[in-house]
Structures are given as structure tokens and as C-alpha cells.
């Protein structure tokens, strides 16, 4: 069965293989302890480049994000419904920077840009309320 998500800008289809928390805002993850959370390195970075990603299975952008002293990292992000490339340039985002790199089509994603996912799978990026230094740790 496929689920259809309609928004003002695009239509997105979901398969049953998608995690259920993405489809219906529920989660069924096990409880973690503080040491588990402390292993996740979340940092603030600024988007410096955005490219369309036509080879991705689902509509996505290729982002280049500046994390200050941590350097520049690339990410694939399925955020095309809420954001145009012009919206993203200069935007500060929060990302997990200590996942191993992941090949997505012909692109190597080096970090995971974080966002809130609604019932239709539409992502709203997490971003600092005030401008801050690139590379700052999120805790």
C-alpha cells in the first residue's frame, strides 16, 4: 500500500517500508540513556551551496554546509516541499556530524541535517532561533 501526501507545492508517495514514525508522527524507538545521547554530535552549520538532486529516489537537494572549524560537509536532504534553493542559502541548520558517510545514488552524504517531520512526511528544518557561530555543539 502507498500513502499519498499532498501539500501546496508537491505530492509525495510513501511505501510501507518507511518508518512508521514518519508516516503517522508516532515513534516506537527504545529508550536511551545519557551516554547514548552524548555520542550524537549535533552541530550548527550554515548552508553555502544547494543543488537539485535528480538521481535521488525521492525529491531532494544536495547541500553543502559550513561547520566552522569542523569544516565543510555535504548532505542530501528531502526538503524540497518547504524550501527552495534560494531559501536555503545562508540558513543555519542543525545536523548530526558523526554518522559515517552514506552513499545516496551518485552522492556521498557526510552529515544528517535535522528537521521535524509531519504526518505527510514534510520536513521543517531545525534551526537556531538566533544566529550563532558555525560548529557550535547542540546539547
N, C-alpha and C. Protein backbone atom coordinates (compact mmCIF):
# COMPACT_ATOMS: atom_id res chain seq x y z
N UNK A 1 0.85 -1.18 0.00
CA UNK A 1 0.00 0.00 0.00
C UNK A 1 0.89 1.24 0.00
N UNK A 2 0.52 2.24 -0.73
CA UNK A 2 1.23 3.52 -0.74
C UNK A 2 0.37 4.57 -0.07
N UNK A 3 1.03 5.49 0.58
CA UNK A 3 0.35 6.61 1.21
C UNK A 3 0.67 7.86 0.42
N UNK A 4 -0.29 8.70 0.21
CA UNK A 4 -0.09 9.90 -0.59
C UNK A 4 -0.14 11.12 0.33
N UNK A 5 0.86 11.96 0.21
CA UNK A 5 0.90 13.20 0.99
C UNK A 5 0.78 14.36 0.02
N UNK A 6 -0.22 15.19 0.19
CA UNK A 6 -0.38 16.34 -0.69
C UNK A 6 -0.10 17.61 0.08
N UNK A 7 0.62 18.49 -0.53
CA UNK A 7 0.88 19.81 0.03
C UNK A 7 0.60 20.81 -1.07
N UNK A 8 0.78 22.08 -0.74
CA UNK A 8 0.55 23.12 -1.74
C UNK A 8 1.55 23.04 -2.89
N UNK A 9 2.77 22.57 -2.61
CA UNK A 9 3.81 22.62 -3.63
C UNK A 9 4.06 21.30 -4.35
N UNK A 10 3.92 20.16 -3.67
CA UNK A 10 4.26 18.89 -4.30
C UNK A 10 3.44 17.76 -3.71
N UNK A 11 3.45 16.63 -4.38
CA UNK A 11 2.85 15.39 -3.88
C UNK A 11 3.97 14.40 -3.64
N UNK A 12 3.91 13.70 -2.51
CA UNK A 12 4.92 12.72 -2.18
C UNK A 12 4.26 11.40 -1.86
N UNK A 13 4.86 10.30 -2.29
CA UNK A 13 4.32 8.97 -2.03
C UNK A 13 5.21 8.23 -1.06
N UNK A 14 4.59 7.46 -0.15
CA UNK A 14 5.31 6.69 0.84
C UNK A 14 5.04 5.22 0.64
N UNK A 15 6.01 4.40 0.88
CA UNK A 15 5.81 2.95 0.84
C UNK A 15 5.67 2.45 2.28
N UNK A 16 5.22 1.22 2.43
CA UNK A 16 5.09 0.65 3.77
C UNK A 16 6.45 0.45 4.42
N UNK A 17 7.52 0.48 3.64
CA UNK A 17 8.85 0.28 4.19
C UNK A 17 9.34 1.50 4.97
N UNK A 18 8.69 2.64 4.81
CA UNK A 18 9.10 3.84 5.53
C UNK A 18 8.84 3.65 7.02
N UNK A 19 9.71 4.18 7.89
CA UNK A 19 9.46 4.05 9.32
C UNK A 19 8.09 4.62 9.68
N UNK A 20 7.39 3.93 10.56
CA UNK A 20 6.03 4.34 10.91
C UNK A 20 5.99 5.72 11.55
N UNK A 21 7.05 6.10 12.28
CA UNK A 21 7.01 7.42 12.91
C UNK A 21 7.01 8.53 11.87
N UNK A 22 7.50 8.26 10.68
CA UNK A 22 7.46 9.25 9.62
C UNK A 22 6.04 9.33 9.05
N UNK A 23 5.36 8.21 8.98
CA UNK A 23 4.04 8.19 8.37
C UNK A 23 2.96 8.75 9.28
N UNK A 24 3.06 8.56 10.58
CA UNK A 24 1.95 8.98 11.43
C UNK A 24 2.38 9.69 12.71
N UNK A 25 3.58 10.25 12.71
CA UNK A 25 4.09 11.02 13.84
C UNK A 25 4.20 10.23 15.13
N UNK A 26 4.16 8.93 15.05
CA UNK A 26 4.37 8.11 16.23
C UNK A 26 5.79 7.56 16.16
N UNK A 27 6.29 7.18 17.28
CA UNK A 27 7.61 6.57 17.29
C UNK A 27 7.57 5.34 18.17
N UNK A 28 8.38 4.38 17.82
CA UNK A 28 8.46 3.16 18.60
C UNK A 28 9.92 2.81 18.84
N UNK A 29 10.69 3.80 19.22
CA UNK A 29 12.11 3.60 19.48
C UNK A 29 12.30 3.27 20.95
N UNK A 30 13.34 2.50 21.23
CA UNK A 30 13.60 2.14 22.61
C UNK A 30 14.22 3.32 23.35
N UNK A 31 14.08 3.29 24.65
CA UNK A 31 14.63 4.34 25.50
C UNK A 31 16.15 4.29 25.46
N UNK A 32 16.78 5.46 25.47
CA UNK A 32 18.24 5.52 25.50
C UNK A 32 18.67 6.15 26.82
N UNK A 33 19.94 5.95 27.15
CA UNK A 33 20.46 6.59 28.36
C UNK A 33 21.33 7.79 27.97
N UNK A 34 21.81 8.51 28.96
CA UNK A 34 22.57 9.73 28.71
C UNK A 34 23.82 9.46 27.87
N UNK A 35 24.51 8.36 28.14
CA UNK A 35 25.73 8.09 27.38
C UNK A 35 25.42 7.83 25.90
N UNK A 36 24.25 7.24 25.60
CA UNK A 36 23.85 7.07 24.20
C UNK A 36 23.66 8.43 23.54
N UNK A 37 22.94 9.32 24.21
CA UNK A 37 22.69 10.66 23.66
C UNK A 37 23.99 11.43 23.47
N UNK A 38 24.90 11.29 24.43
CA UNK A 38 26.16 12.03 24.37
C UNK A 38 27.01 11.64 23.16
N UNK A 39 26.77 10.47 22.59
CA UNK A 39 27.52 10.02 21.41
C UNK A 39 27.10 10.76 20.15
N UNK A 40 25.91 11.34 20.15
CA UNK A 40 25.40 12.03 18.96
C UNK A 40 25.97 13.44 18.94
N UNK A 41 26.76 13.74 17.92
CA UNK A 41 27.41 15.05 17.80
C UNK A 41 26.58 15.92 16.86
N UNK A 42 25.74 16.78 17.44
CA UNK A 42 24.91 17.70 16.66
C UNK A 42 25.56 19.07 16.68
N UNK A 43 25.66 19.67 15.50
CA UNK A 43 26.32 20.96 15.37
C UNK A 43 25.49 21.91 14.52
N UNK A 44 25.76 23.20 14.70
CA UNK A 44 25.15 24.24 13.89
C UNK A 44 26.06 24.52 12.70
N UNK A 45 25.46 24.65 11.53
CA UNK A 45 26.22 24.99 10.34
C UNK A 45 25.38 25.88 9.44
N UNK A 46 26.04 26.50 8.48
CA UNK A 46 25.37 27.39 7.53
C UNK A 46 25.43 26.78 6.13
N UNK A 47 24.27 26.73 5.47
CA UNK A 47 24.19 26.21 4.11
C UNK A 47 24.85 27.22 3.17
N UNK A 48 25.84 26.74 2.41
CA UNK A 48 26.56 27.63 1.49
C UNK A 48 26.26 27.32 0.02
N UNK A 49 25.84 26.09 -0.28
CA UNK A 49 25.50 25.72 -1.65
C UNK A 49 24.32 24.76 -1.63
N UNK A 50 23.50 24.85 -2.67
CA UNK A 50 22.35 23.94 -2.83
C UNK A 50 22.25 23.56 -4.30
N UNK A 51 22.14 22.25 -4.54
CA UNK A 51 21.93 21.76 -5.90
C UNK A 51 20.74 20.81 -5.92
N UNK A 52 20.00 20.82 -7.01
CA UNK A 52 18.97 19.80 -7.19
C UNK A 52 19.65 18.44 -7.25
N UNK A 53 18.91 17.41 -6.84
CA UNK A 53 19.47 16.05 -6.81
C UNK A 53 18.56 15.12 -7.60
N UNK A 54 18.60 15.20 -8.93
CA UNK A 54 17.67 14.42 -9.76
C UNK A 54 17.85 12.91 -9.67
N UNK A 55 19.02 12.43 -9.25
CA UNK A 55 19.25 10.99 -9.18
C UNK A 55 18.74 10.37 -7.88
N UNK A 56 18.31 11.18 -6.93
CA UNK A 56 17.75 10.65 -5.69
C UNK A 56 16.40 9.99 -5.97
N UNK A 57 16.06 8.93 -5.21
CA UNK A 57 14.77 8.25 -5.42
C UNK A 57 13.60 9.16 -5.11
N UNK A 58 13.74 10.01 -4.10
CA UNK A 58 12.70 10.96 -3.72
C UNK A 58 13.26 12.36 -3.91
N UNK A 59 12.40 13.34 -4.19
CA UNK A 59 12.90 14.71 -4.43
C UNK A 59 13.79 15.19 -3.27
N UNK A 60 14.97 15.68 -3.63
CA UNK A 60 15.94 16.09 -2.61
C UNK A 60 16.88 17.14 -3.18
N UNK A 61 17.60 17.76 -2.26
CA UNK A 61 18.68 18.68 -2.61
C UNK A 61 20.00 18.10 -2.11
N UNK A 62 21.07 18.50 -2.76
CA UNK A 62 22.42 18.28 -2.25
C UNK A 62 22.83 19.58 -1.58
N UNK A 63 23.14 19.51 -0.30
CA UNK A 63 23.53 20.70 0.45
C UNK A 63 25.02 20.66 0.76
N UNK A 64 25.63 21.82 0.78
CA UNK A 64 26.99 21.99 1.30
C UNK A 64 26.84 22.89 2.51
N UNK A 65 27.34 22.39 3.67
CA UNK A 65 27.14 23.09 4.95
C UNK A 65 28.49 23.38 5.58
N UNK A 66 28.68 24.63 6.01
CA UNK A 66 29.91 25.07 6.66
C UNK A 66 29.74 24.93 8.17
N UNK A 67 30.57 24.07 8.78
CA UNK A 67 30.54 23.86 10.23
C UNK A 67 31.73 24.51 10.92
N UNK A 68 32.22 25.61 10.39
CA UNK A 68 33.31 26.35 11.02
C UNK A 68 34.58 25.51 11.09
N UNK A 69 35.14 25.38 12.30
CA UNK A 69 36.40 24.65 12.48
C UNK A 69 36.27 23.16 12.13
N UNK A 70 35.05 22.62 12.14
CA UNK A 70 34.85 21.22 11.74
C UNK A 70 34.94 21.04 10.23
N UNK A 71 34.85 22.13 9.50
CA UNK A 71 34.99 22.07 8.06
C UNK A 71 33.66 22.06 7.32
N UNK A 72 33.74 21.75 6.05
CA UNK A 72 32.59 21.73 5.14
C UNK A 72 32.13 20.28 4.99
N UNK A 73 30.82 20.07 5.07
CA UNK A 73 30.25 18.73 4.88
C UNK A 73 29.09 18.82 3.91
N UNK A 74 28.87 17.69 3.21
CA UNK A 74 27.77 17.60 2.25
C UNK A 74 26.66 16.75 2.83
N UNK A 75 25.43 17.05 2.42
CA UNK A 75 24.28 16.28 2.88
C UNK A 75 23.21 16.23 1.79
N UNK A 76 22.51 15.12 1.74
CA UNK A 76 21.32 15.01 0.89
C UNK A 76 20.12 15.23 1.80
N UNK A 77 19.20 16.08 1.39
CA UNK A 77 18.06 16.40 2.25
C UNK A 77 16.77 16.44 1.44
N UNK A 78 15.76 15.70 1.92
CA UNK A 78 14.44 15.66 1.28
C UNK A 78 13.58 16.80 1.84
N UNK A 79 13.92 18.00 1.42
CA UNK A 79 13.27 19.20 1.97
C UNK A 79 12.71 20.09 0.86
N UNK A 80 12.44 19.50 -0.30
CA UNK A 80 12.04 20.29 -1.46
C UNK A 80 10.62 20.84 -1.36
N UNK A 81 9.81 20.30 -0.48
CA UNK A 81 8.43 20.79 -0.37
C UNK A 81 8.38 22.14 0.31
N UNK A 82 9.09 22.29 1.42
CA UNK A 82 9.04 23.55 2.18
C UNK A 82 10.10 24.57 1.79
N UNK A 83 11.13 24.16 1.05
CA UNK A 83 12.26 25.06 0.82
C UNK A 83 12.67 25.06 -0.65
N UNK A 84 12.95 26.24 -1.15
CA UNK A 84 13.58 26.37 -2.47
C UNK A 84 15.08 26.53 -2.23
N UNK A 85 15.90 26.33 -3.26
CA UNK A 85 17.34 26.55 -3.06
C UNK A 85 17.66 27.96 -2.55
N UNK A 86 16.93 28.94 -3.04
CA UNK A 86 17.17 30.32 -2.60
C UNK A 86 16.87 30.50 -1.11
N UNK A 87 15.86 29.78 -0.60
CA UNK A 87 15.52 29.86 0.83
C UNK A 87 16.65 29.33 1.70
N UNK A 88 17.41 28.39 1.17
CA UNK A 88 18.38 27.66 1.99
C UNK A 88 19.75 28.32 2.08
N UNK A 89 20.14 29.06 1.06
CA UNK A 89 21.47 29.69 1.07
C UNK A 89 21.55 30.66 2.25
N UNK A 90 22.55 30.48 3.10
CA UNK A 90 22.74 31.34 4.26
C UNK A 90 21.96 30.91 5.49
N UNK A 91 21.10 29.90 5.37
CA UNK A 91 20.30 29.43 6.51
C UNK A 91 21.16 28.57 7.42
N UNK A 92 21.05 28.83 8.72
CA UNK A 92 21.72 27.97 9.69
C UNK A 92 20.83 26.77 9.98
N UNK A 93 21.46 25.60 10.07
CA UNK A 93 20.75 24.35 10.30
C UNK A 93 21.45 23.59 11.42
N UNK A 94 20.78 22.57 11.93
CA UNK A 94 21.36 21.66 12.91
C UNK A 94 21.54 20.32 12.22
N UNK A 95 22.71 19.70 12.42
CA UNK A 95 23.00 18.42 11.76
C UNK A 95 23.80 17.51 12.68
N UNK A 96 23.61 16.21 12.49
CA UNK A 96 24.46 15.21 13.13
C UNK A 96 25.68 15.05 12.25
N UNK A 97 26.86 15.26 12.83
CA UNK A 97 28.08 15.27 12.02
C UNK A 97 28.98 14.06 12.26
N UNK A 98 28.58 13.14 13.14
CA UNK A 98 29.45 11.99 13.40
C UNK A 98 28.87 10.65 12.94
N UNK A 99 27.91 10.68 12.01
CA UNK A 99 27.50 9.45 11.34
C UNK A 99 28.56 9.12 10.29
N UNK A 100 28.71 7.85 9.95
CA UNK A 100 29.60 7.55 8.81
C UNK A 100 28.98 8.08 7.52
N UNK A 101 29.81 8.37 6.55
CA UNK A 101 29.31 8.84 5.25
C UNK A 101 28.39 7.78 4.65
N UNK A 102 27.39 8.25 3.90
CA UNK A 102 26.42 7.34 3.29
C UNK A 102 26.26 7.68 1.82
N UNK A 103 26.39 6.67 0.97
CA UNK A 103 26.22 6.86 -0.47
C UNK A 103 24.73 6.91 -0.78
N UNK A 104 24.29 7.98 -1.43
CA UNK A 104 22.92 8.13 -1.89
C UNK A 104 23.01 8.42 -3.38
N UNK A 105 22.62 7.43 -4.18
CA UNK A 105 22.79 7.49 -5.64
C UNK A 105 24.26 7.76 -5.93
N UNK A 106 24.58 8.83 -6.65
CA UNK A 106 25.96 9.14 -7.01
C UNK A 106 26.58 10.19 -6.07
N UNK A 107 26.03 10.34 -4.88
CA UNK A 107 26.42 11.41 -3.95
C UNK A 107 26.78 10.81 -2.60
N UNK A 108 27.84 11.32 -1.97
CA UNK A 108 28.23 10.86 -0.65
C UNK A 108 27.78 11.88 0.39
N UNK A 109 26.82 11.49 1.22
CA UNK A 109 26.29 12.37 2.27
C UNK A 109 27.16 12.20 3.52
N UNK A 110 27.62 13.32 4.08
CA UNK A 110 28.58 13.29 5.19
C UNK A 110 27.99 13.72 6.53
N UNK A 111 26.74 14.18 6.52
CA UNK A 111 26.08 14.58 7.77
C UNK A 111 24.58 14.45 7.56
N UNK A 112 23.84 14.47 8.66
CA UNK A 112 22.38 14.37 8.60
C UNK A 112 21.77 15.67 9.10
N UNK A 113 21.21 16.44 8.19
CA UNK A 113 20.53 17.69 8.56
C UNK A 113 19.21 17.31 9.21
N UNK A 114 18.91 17.90 10.37
CA UNK A 114 17.74 17.51 11.17
C UNK A 114 16.53 18.39 10.89
N UNK A 115 15.37 17.78 11.01
CA UNK A 115 14.12 18.50 10.83
C UNK A 115 12.98 17.78 11.51
N UNK A 116 11.89 18.49 11.71
CA UNK A 116 10.66 17.92 12.23
C UNK A 116 9.86 17.40 11.04
N UNK A 117 9.30 16.19 11.18
CA UNK A 117 8.58 15.53 10.08
C UNK A 117 7.11 15.43 10.45
N UNK A 118 6.24 15.99 9.59
CA UNK A 118 4.80 15.93 9.88
C UNK A 118 4.18 14.63 9.38
N UNK A 119 2.88 14.49 9.54
CA UNK A 119 2.16 13.27 9.16
C UNK A 119 2.30 12.93 7.69
N UNK A 120 2.53 13.92 6.84
CA UNK A 120 2.68 13.68 5.41
C UNK A 120 4.14 13.50 5.00
N UNK A 121 5.05 13.52 5.95
CA UNK A 121 6.47 13.37 5.64
C UNK A 121 7.14 14.65 5.23
N UNK A 122 6.48 15.78 5.40
CA UNK A 122 7.06 17.07 5.04
C UNK A 122 7.98 17.54 6.17
N UNK A 123 9.20 17.92 5.80
CA UNK A 123 10.23 18.27 6.77
C UNK A 123 10.31 19.78 6.97
N UNK A 124 10.34 20.19 8.24
CA UNK A 124 10.64 21.57 8.63
C UNK A 124 11.98 21.53 9.34
N UNK A 125 12.97 22.23 8.79
CA UNK A 125 14.32 22.18 9.33
C UNK A 125 14.39 22.72 10.76
N UNK A 126 15.27 22.09 11.55
CA UNK A 126 15.60 22.63 12.87
C UNK A 126 16.69 23.67 12.66
N UNK A 127 16.50 24.83 13.26
CA UNK A 127 17.48 25.90 13.09
C UNK A 127 17.55 26.73 14.37
N UNK A 128 18.71 27.33 14.64
CA UNK A 128 18.81 28.18 15.82
C UNK A 128 17.88 29.39 15.69
N UNK A 129 17.32 29.81 16.80
CA UNK A 129 16.44 30.97 16.81
C UNK A 129 17.23 32.26 16.55
N UNK A 130 18.46 32.30 17.03
CA UNK A 130 19.35 33.44 16.81
C UNK A 130 20.59 32.95 16.07
N UNK A 131 21.20 33.81 15.30
CA UNK A 131 22.41 33.46 14.59
C UNK A 131 23.51 33.11 15.59
N UNK A 132 24.26 32.07 15.30
CA UNK A 132 25.36 31.69 16.19
C UNK A 132 26.54 31.19 15.36
N UNK A 133 27.64 30.94 16.02
CA UNK A 133 28.87 30.54 15.36
C UNK A 133 28.72 29.14 14.75
N UNK A 134 29.18 29.00 13.52
CA UNK A 134 29.18 27.69 12.88
C UNK A 134 30.05 26.72 13.68
N UNK A 135 29.56 25.50 13.83
CA UNK A 135 30.30 24.47 14.55
C UNK A 135 29.92 24.33 16.01
N UNK A 136 29.09 25.24 16.52
CA UNK A 136 28.69 25.11 17.92
C UNK A 136 27.94 23.80 18.14
N UNK A 137 28.23 23.15 19.26
CA UNK A 137 27.59 21.88 19.60
C UNK A 137 26.18 22.11 20.12
N UNK A 138 25.27 21.25 19.73
CA UNK A 138 23.89 21.31 20.22
C UNK A 138 23.76 20.25 21.30
N UNK A 139 23.20 20.65 22.45
CA UNK A 139 23.07 19.70 23.57
C UNK A 139 21.67 19.77 24.13
